[in-house]
Amino acid sequence: MSVEDKITVTWGLNQSFPAGTDTSYRTVKVQLCYAPISQVDRAWRKTEDHLSKDKTCQFKIVEKPYVNANETLEWTIERDTPTATYFVRAYALDENNHEVAYGQNTNAEKKTNLFDVQAITGRHVSLDIASICFSAFSIVSLMGFFYAEKRKGRKAEQ
């Protein structure tokens, strides 16, 4: 693997917040999110104000217990990640797994610090094998039905 297929993510509590702001934080969930430019004409990536309906962040990078310190993680971009422009968002979750705070590596308009992912294109061996098997099955089925119809036709003539 090359350096190009990994990203380094660092997150932590904004030190300008008053002490005790993070008392309800139990878990941190870091996700890869579609930038607005990659959501155009794609309803399955649409941003919604209600988090349970929001489809912006579909790829989980990590979910781990909250620690009041900066943390860094090197994440390998998965092969099935589609071509798009992304940003990273971190959610702080409480004991009931409800989002109570978040931060992201871009501005509120989601126009800065974005990055592109170019998906791997091409066929996989498993897809080739499946297509060969289904093609062979269809040919054998066609010949079987043809033979059965011919046999049925001969019996009807007698």
C-alpha atoms as a PDB file:
ATOM      1  CA  MET A   1       0.000   0.000   0.000  1.00  0.00           C
ATOM      2  CA  SER A   2       1.086   3.491  -0.700  1.00  0.00           C
ATOM      3  CA  VAL A   3       0.730   6.604   1.409  1.00  0.00           C
ATOM      4  CA  GLU A   4      -2.057   7.812  -0.895  1.00  0.00           C
ATOM      5  CA  ASP A   5      -4.587   5.289   0.401  1.00  0.00           C
ATOM      6  CA  LYS A   6      -4.414   6.347   4.036  1.00  0.00           C
ATOM      7  CA  ILE A   7      -5.490   9.408   5.948  1.00  0.00           C
ATOM      8  CA  THR A   8      -4.354  10.563   9.358  1.00  0.00           C
ATOM      9  CA  VAL A   9      -7.148  11.788  11.618  1.00  0.00           C
ATOM     10  CA  THR A  10      -6.545  13.725  14.842  1.00  0.00           C
ATOM     11  CA  TRP A  11      -9.331  14.762  17.216  1.00  0.00           C
ATOM     12  CA  GLY A  12      -9.705  16.195  20.702  1.00  0.00           C
ATOM     13  CA  LEU A  13     -11.721  18.636  22.776  1.00  0.00           C
ATOM     14  CA  ASN A  14     -11.399  22.295  21.834  1.00  0.00           C
ATOM     15  CA  GLN A  15      -9.236  23.683  24.655  1.00  0.00           C
ATOM     16  CA  SER A  16     -11.047  27.048  24.564  1.00  0.00           C
ATOM     17  CA  PHE A  17     -14.186  25.397  25.991  1.00  0.00           C
ATOM     18  CA  PRO A  18     -14.735  25.686  29.770  1.00  0.00           C
ATOM     19  CA  ALA A  19     -13.647  22.802  31.983  1.00  0.00           C
ATOM     20  CA  GLY A  20     -16.337  20.178  32.414  1.00  0.00           C
ATOM     21  CA  THR A  21     -17.858  20.649  28.955  1.00  0.00           C
ATOM     22  CA  ASP A  22     -17.084  17.011  28.177  1.00  0.00           C
ATOM     23  CA  THR A  23     -18.556  15.397  31.327  1.00  0.00           C
ATOM     24  CA  SER A  24     -21.317  13.642  29.350  1.00  0.00           C
ATOM     25  CA  TYR A  25     -19.007  12.366  26.604  1.00  0.00           C
ATOM     26  CA  ARG A  26     -18.557   8.592  26.689  1.00  0.00           C
ATOM     27  CA  THR A  27     -17.711   7.614  23.121  1.00  0.00           C
ATOM     28  CA  VAL A  28     -16.178   9.264  20.076  1.00  0.00           C
ATOM     29  CA  LYS A  29     -17.348   8.247  16.606  1.00  0.00           C
ATOM     30  CA  VAL A  30     -15.258   9.487  13.666  1.00  0.00           C
ATOM     31  CA  GLN A  31     -16.797   9.285  10.199  1.00  0.00           C
ATOM     32  CA  LEU A  32     -15.970  10.012   6.578  1.00  0.00           C
ATOM     33  CA  CYS A  33     -18.606  12.371   5.135  1.00  0.00           C
ATOM     34  CA  TYR A  34     -19.627  13.473   1.644  1.00  0.00           C
ATOM     35  CA  ALA A  35     -18.932  17.103   0.815  1.00  0.00           C
ATOM     36  CA  PRO A  36     -21.823  19.090  -0.712  1.00  0.00           C
ATOM     37  CA  ILE A  37     -20.252  18.905  -4.184  1.00  0.00           C
ATOM     38  CA  SER A  38     -20.550  15.096  -4.023  1.00  0.00           C
ATOM     39  CA  GLN A  39     -24.182  15.225  -2.869  1.00  0.00           C
ATOM     40  CA  VAL A  40     -25.568  17.032  -5.925  1.00  0.00           C
ATOM     41  CA  ASP A  41     -28.268  14.886  -7.607  1.00  0.00           C
ATOM     42  CA  ARG A  42     -27.597  12.034  -5.172  1.00  0.00           C
ATOM     43  CA  ALA A  43     -30.474  11.699  -2.697  1.00  0.00           C
ATOM     44  CA  TRP A  44     -28.771   8.752  -0.988  1.00  0.00           C
ATOM     45  CA  ARG A  45     -26.045  11.182   0.222  1.00  0.00           C
ATOM     46  CA  LYS A  46     -28.361  14.038   1.219  1.00  0.00           C
ATOM     47  CA  THR A  47     -27.772  16.138   4.322  1.00  0.00           C
ATOM     48  CA  GLU A  48     -30.727  16.338   6.721  1.00  0.00           C
ATOM     49  CA  ASP A  49     -30.987  18.384   9.908  1.00  0.00           C
ATOM     50  CA  HIS A  50     -32.382  15.382  11.795  1.00  0.00           C
ATOM     51  CA  LEU A  51     -29.346  13.160  12.464  1.00  0.00           C
ATOM     52  CA  SER A  52     -31.252   9.870  12.202  1.00  0.00           C
ATOM     53  CA  LYS A  53     -32.159  10.824   8.605  1.00  0.00           C
ATOM     54  CA  ASP A  54     -28.827  12.401   7.666  1.00  0.00           C
ATOM     55  CA  LYS A  55     -26.962  10.483   4.959  1.00  0.00           C
ATOM     56  CA  THR A  56     -23.898  12.702   4.784  1.00  0.00           C
ATOM     57  CA  CYS A  57     -21.602  10.504   6.883  1.00  0.00           C
ATOM     58  CA  GLN A  58     -21.854   6.904   5.718  1.00  0.00           C
ATOM     59  CA  PHE A  59     -18.385   5.539   6.461  1.00  0.00           C
ATOM     60  CA  LYS A  60     -17.235   4.829  10.007  1.00  0.00           C
ATOM     61  CA  ILE A  61     -13.551   5.409  10.573  1.00  0.00           C
ATOM     62  CA  VAL A  62     -13.484   4.519  14.273  1.00  0.00           C
ATOM     63  CA  GLU A  63     -15.701   4.403  17.353  1.00  0.00           C
ATOM     64  CA  LYS A  64     -13.971   4.257  20.701  1.00  0.00           C
ATOM     65  CA  PRO A  65     -14.297   5.392  24.311  1.00  0.00           C
ATOM     66  CA  TYR A  66     -13.785   9.122  24.845  1.00  0.00           C
ATOM     67  CA  VAL A  67     -10.483  10.268  26.312  1.00  0.00           C
ATOM     68  CA  ASN A  68      -9.911  13.914  27.231  1.00  0.00           C
ATOM     69  CA  ALA A  69      -6.777  14.175  25.117  1.00  0.00           C
ATOM     70  CA  ASN A  70      -5.877  14.587  21.469  1.00  0.00           C
ATOM     71  CA  GLU A  71      -5.936  11.250  19.677  1.00  0.00           C
ATOM     72  CA  THR A  72      -4.518  10.330  16.285  1.00  0.00           C
ATOM     73  CA  LEU A  73      -5.406   7.455  14.017  1.00  0.00           C
ATOM     74  CA  GLU A  74      -4.099   6.426  10.618  1.00  0.00           C
ATOM     75  CA  TRP A  75      -7.021   5.003   8.642  1.00  0.00           C
ATOM     76  CA  THR A  76      -6.756   3.013   5.433  1.00  0.00           C
ATOM     77  CA  ILE A  77      -9.378   4.078   2.923  1.00  0.00           C
ATOM     78  CA  GLU A  78     -11.437   1.007   2.125  1.00  0.00           C
ATOM     79  CA  ARG A  79     -11.620  -0.376  -1.399  1.00  0.00           C
ATOM     80  CA  ASP A  80     -15.389   0.085  -1.623  1.00  0.00           C
ATOM     81  CA  THR A  81     -15.260   3.814  -0.851  1.00  0.00           C
ATOM     82  CA  PRO A  82     -16.830   5.583  -3.849  1.00  0.00           C
ATOM     83  CA  THR A  83     -15.198   8.344  -5.826  1.00  0.00           C
ATOM     84  CA  ALA A  84     -16.208  11.612  -4.167  1.00  0.00           C
ATOM     85  CA  THR A  85     -15.056  14.670  -2.241  1.00  0.00           C
ATOM     86  CA  TYR A  86     -15.042  14.137   1.528  1.00  0.00           C
ATOM     87  CA  PHE A  87     -14.451  15.673   4.923  1.00  0.00           C
ATOM     88  CA  VAL A  88     -14.073  14.068   8.361  1.00  0.00           C
ATOM     89  CA  ARG A  89     -16.505  14.574  11.244  1.00  0.00           C
ATOM     90  CA  ALA A  90     -16.182  13.420  14.873  1.00  0.00           C
ATOM     91  CA  TYR A  91     -19.237  12.959  17.093  1.00  0.00           C
ATOM     92  CA  ALA A  92     -19.176  12.854  20.901  1.00  0.00           C
ATOM     93  CA  LEU A  93     -21.797  10.406  22.183  1.00  0.00           C
ATOM     94  CA  ASP A  94     -23.305  10.195  25.666  1.00  0.00           C
ATOM     95  CA  GLU A  95     -24.046   6.998  27.650  1.00  0.00           C
ATOM     96  CA  ASN A  96     -27.223   6.424  25.556  1.00  0.00           C
ATOM     97  CA  ASN A  97     -25.274   6.709  22.263  1.00  0.00           C
ATOM     98  CA  HIS A  98     -26.918  10.058  21.434  1.00  0.00           C
ATOM     99  CA  GLU A  99     -24.811  12.660  19.668  1.00  0.00           C
ATOM    100  CA  VAL A 100     -24.169  15.532  22.071  1.00  0.00           C
ATOM    101  CA  ALA A 101     -21.392  17.351  20.201  1.00  0.00           C
ATOM    102  CA  TYR A 102     -19.457  17.212  16.971  1.00  0.00           C
ATOM    103  CA  GLY A 103     -16.542  18.745  15.163  1.00  0.00           C
ATOM    104  CA  GLN A 104     -15.280  18.517  11.613  1.00  0.00           C
ATOM    105  CA  ASN A 105     -12.169  19.323   9.635  1.00  0.00           C
ATOM    106  CA  THR A 106     -14.023  21.782   7.391  1.00  0.00           C
ATOM    107  CA  ASN A 107     -15.892  25.044   7.862  1.00  0.00           C
ATOM    108  CA  ALA A 108     -19.670  25.373   8.374  1.00  0.00           C
ATOM    109  CA  GLU A 109     -20.255  25.710   4.623  1.00  0.00           C
ATOM    110  CA  LYS A 110     -18.128  22.582   4.037  1.00  0.00           C
ATOM    111  CA  LYS A 111     -15.917  24.265   1.450  1.00  0.00           C
ATOM    112  CA  THR A 112     -12.415  24.114   2.978  1.00  0.00           C
ATOM    113  CA  ASN A 113     -10.066  21.243   3.867  1.00  0.00           C
ATOM    114  CA  LEU A 114     -11.910  18.805   1.601  1.00  0.00           C
ATOM    115  CA  PHE A 115     -10.157  15.900  -0.072  1.00  0.00           C
ATOM    116  CA  ASP A 116     -10.923  13.625  -3.008  1.00  0.00           C
ATOM    117  CA  VAL A 117     -10.992   9.856  -3.070  1.00  0.00           C
ATOM    118  CA  GLN A 118     -10.589   8.108  -6.409  1.00  0.00           C
ATOM    119  CA  ALA A 119     -12.266   4.705  -6.257  1.00  0.00           C
ATOM    120  CA  ILE A 120     -10.633   1.590  -7.609  1.00  0.00           C
ATOM    121  CA  THR A 121     -12.214   0.657 -10.890  1.00  0.00           C
ATOM    122  CA  GLY A 122     -12.177  -2.670 -12.654  1.00  0.00           C
ATOM    123  CA  ARG A 123     -13.606  -6.099 -12.139  1.00  0.00           C
ATOM    124  CA  HIS A 124     -12.863  -8.503  -9.351  1.00  0.00           C
ATOM    125  CA  VAL A 125     -12.131 -12.185  -9.909  1.00  0.00           C
ATOM    126  CA  SER A 126     -15.212 -13.185  -7.876  1.00  0.00           C
ATOM    127  CA  LEU A 127     -17.433 -11.207 -10.266  1.00  0.00           C
ATOM    128  CA  ASP A 128     -15.858 -12.931 -13.280  1.00  0.00           C
ATOM    129  CA  ILE A 129     -16.379 -16.377 -11.724  1.00  0.00           C
ATOM    130  CA  ALA A 130     -20.014 -15.616 -10.870  1.00  0.00           C
ATOM    131  CA  SER A 131     -20.761 -14.365 -14.395  1.00  0.00           C
ATOM    132  CA  ILE A 132     -19.181 -17.491 -15.933  1.00  0.00           C
ATOM    133  CA  CYS A 133     -21.205 -19.776 -13.639  1.00  0.00           C
ATOM    134  CA  PHE A 134     -24.499 -18.004 -14.378  1.00  0.00           C
ATOM    135  CA  SER A 135     -23.776 -17.977 -18.121  1.00  0.00           C
ATOM    136  CA  ALA A 136     -23.009 -21.706 -18.119  1.00  0.00           C
ATOM    137  CA  PHE A 137     -26.148 -22.409 -16.083  1.00  0.00           C
ATOM    138  CA  SER A 138     -28.313 -20.439 -18.531  1.00  0.00           C
ATOM    139  CA  ILE A 139     -26.903 -22.304 -21.538  1.00  0.00           C
ATOM    140  CA  VAL A 140     -27.377 -25.695 -19.875  1.00  0.00           C
ATOM    141  CA  SER A 141     -30.931 -24.717 -18.852  1.00  0.00           C
ATOM    142  CA  LEU A 142     -31.748 -23.568 -22.382  1.00  0.00           C
ATOM    143  CA  MET A 143     -30.480 -26.831 -23.858  1.00  0.00           C
ATOM    144  CA  GLY A 144     -32.389 -28.836 -21.235  1.00  0.00           C
ATOM    145  CA  PHE A 145     -35.677 -27.063 -21.981  1.00  0.00           C
ATOM    146  CA  PHE A 146     -35.074 -27.397 -25.745  1.00  0.00           C
ATOM    147  CA  TYR A 147     -34.459 -31.149 -25.362  1.00  0.00           C
ATOM    148  CA  ALA A 148     -37.556 -31.554 -23.163  1.00  0.00           C
ATOM    149  CA  GLU A 149     -39.748 -29.733 -25.721  1.00  0.00           C
ATOM    150  CA  LYS A 150     -38.391 -31.842 -28.590  1.00  0.00           C
ATOM    151  CA  ARG A 151     -39.063 -35.016 -26.636  1.00  0.00           C
ATOM    152  CA  LYS A 152     -42.559 -33.825 -25.762  1.00  0.00           C
ATOM    153  CA  GLY A 153     -43.184 -33.033 -29.463  1.00  0.00           C
ATOM    154  CA  ARG A 154     -42.087 -36.529 -30.544  1.00  0.00           C
ATOM    155  CA  LYS A 155     -44.393 -38.179 -28.026  1.00  0.00           C
ATOM    156  CA  ALA A 156     -47.313 -36.062 -29.288  1.00  0.00           C
ATOM    157  CA  GLU A 157     -46.629 -37.166 -32.907  1.00  0.00           C
ATOM    158  CA  GLN A 158     -46.787 -40.887 -31.969  1.00  0.00           C
END
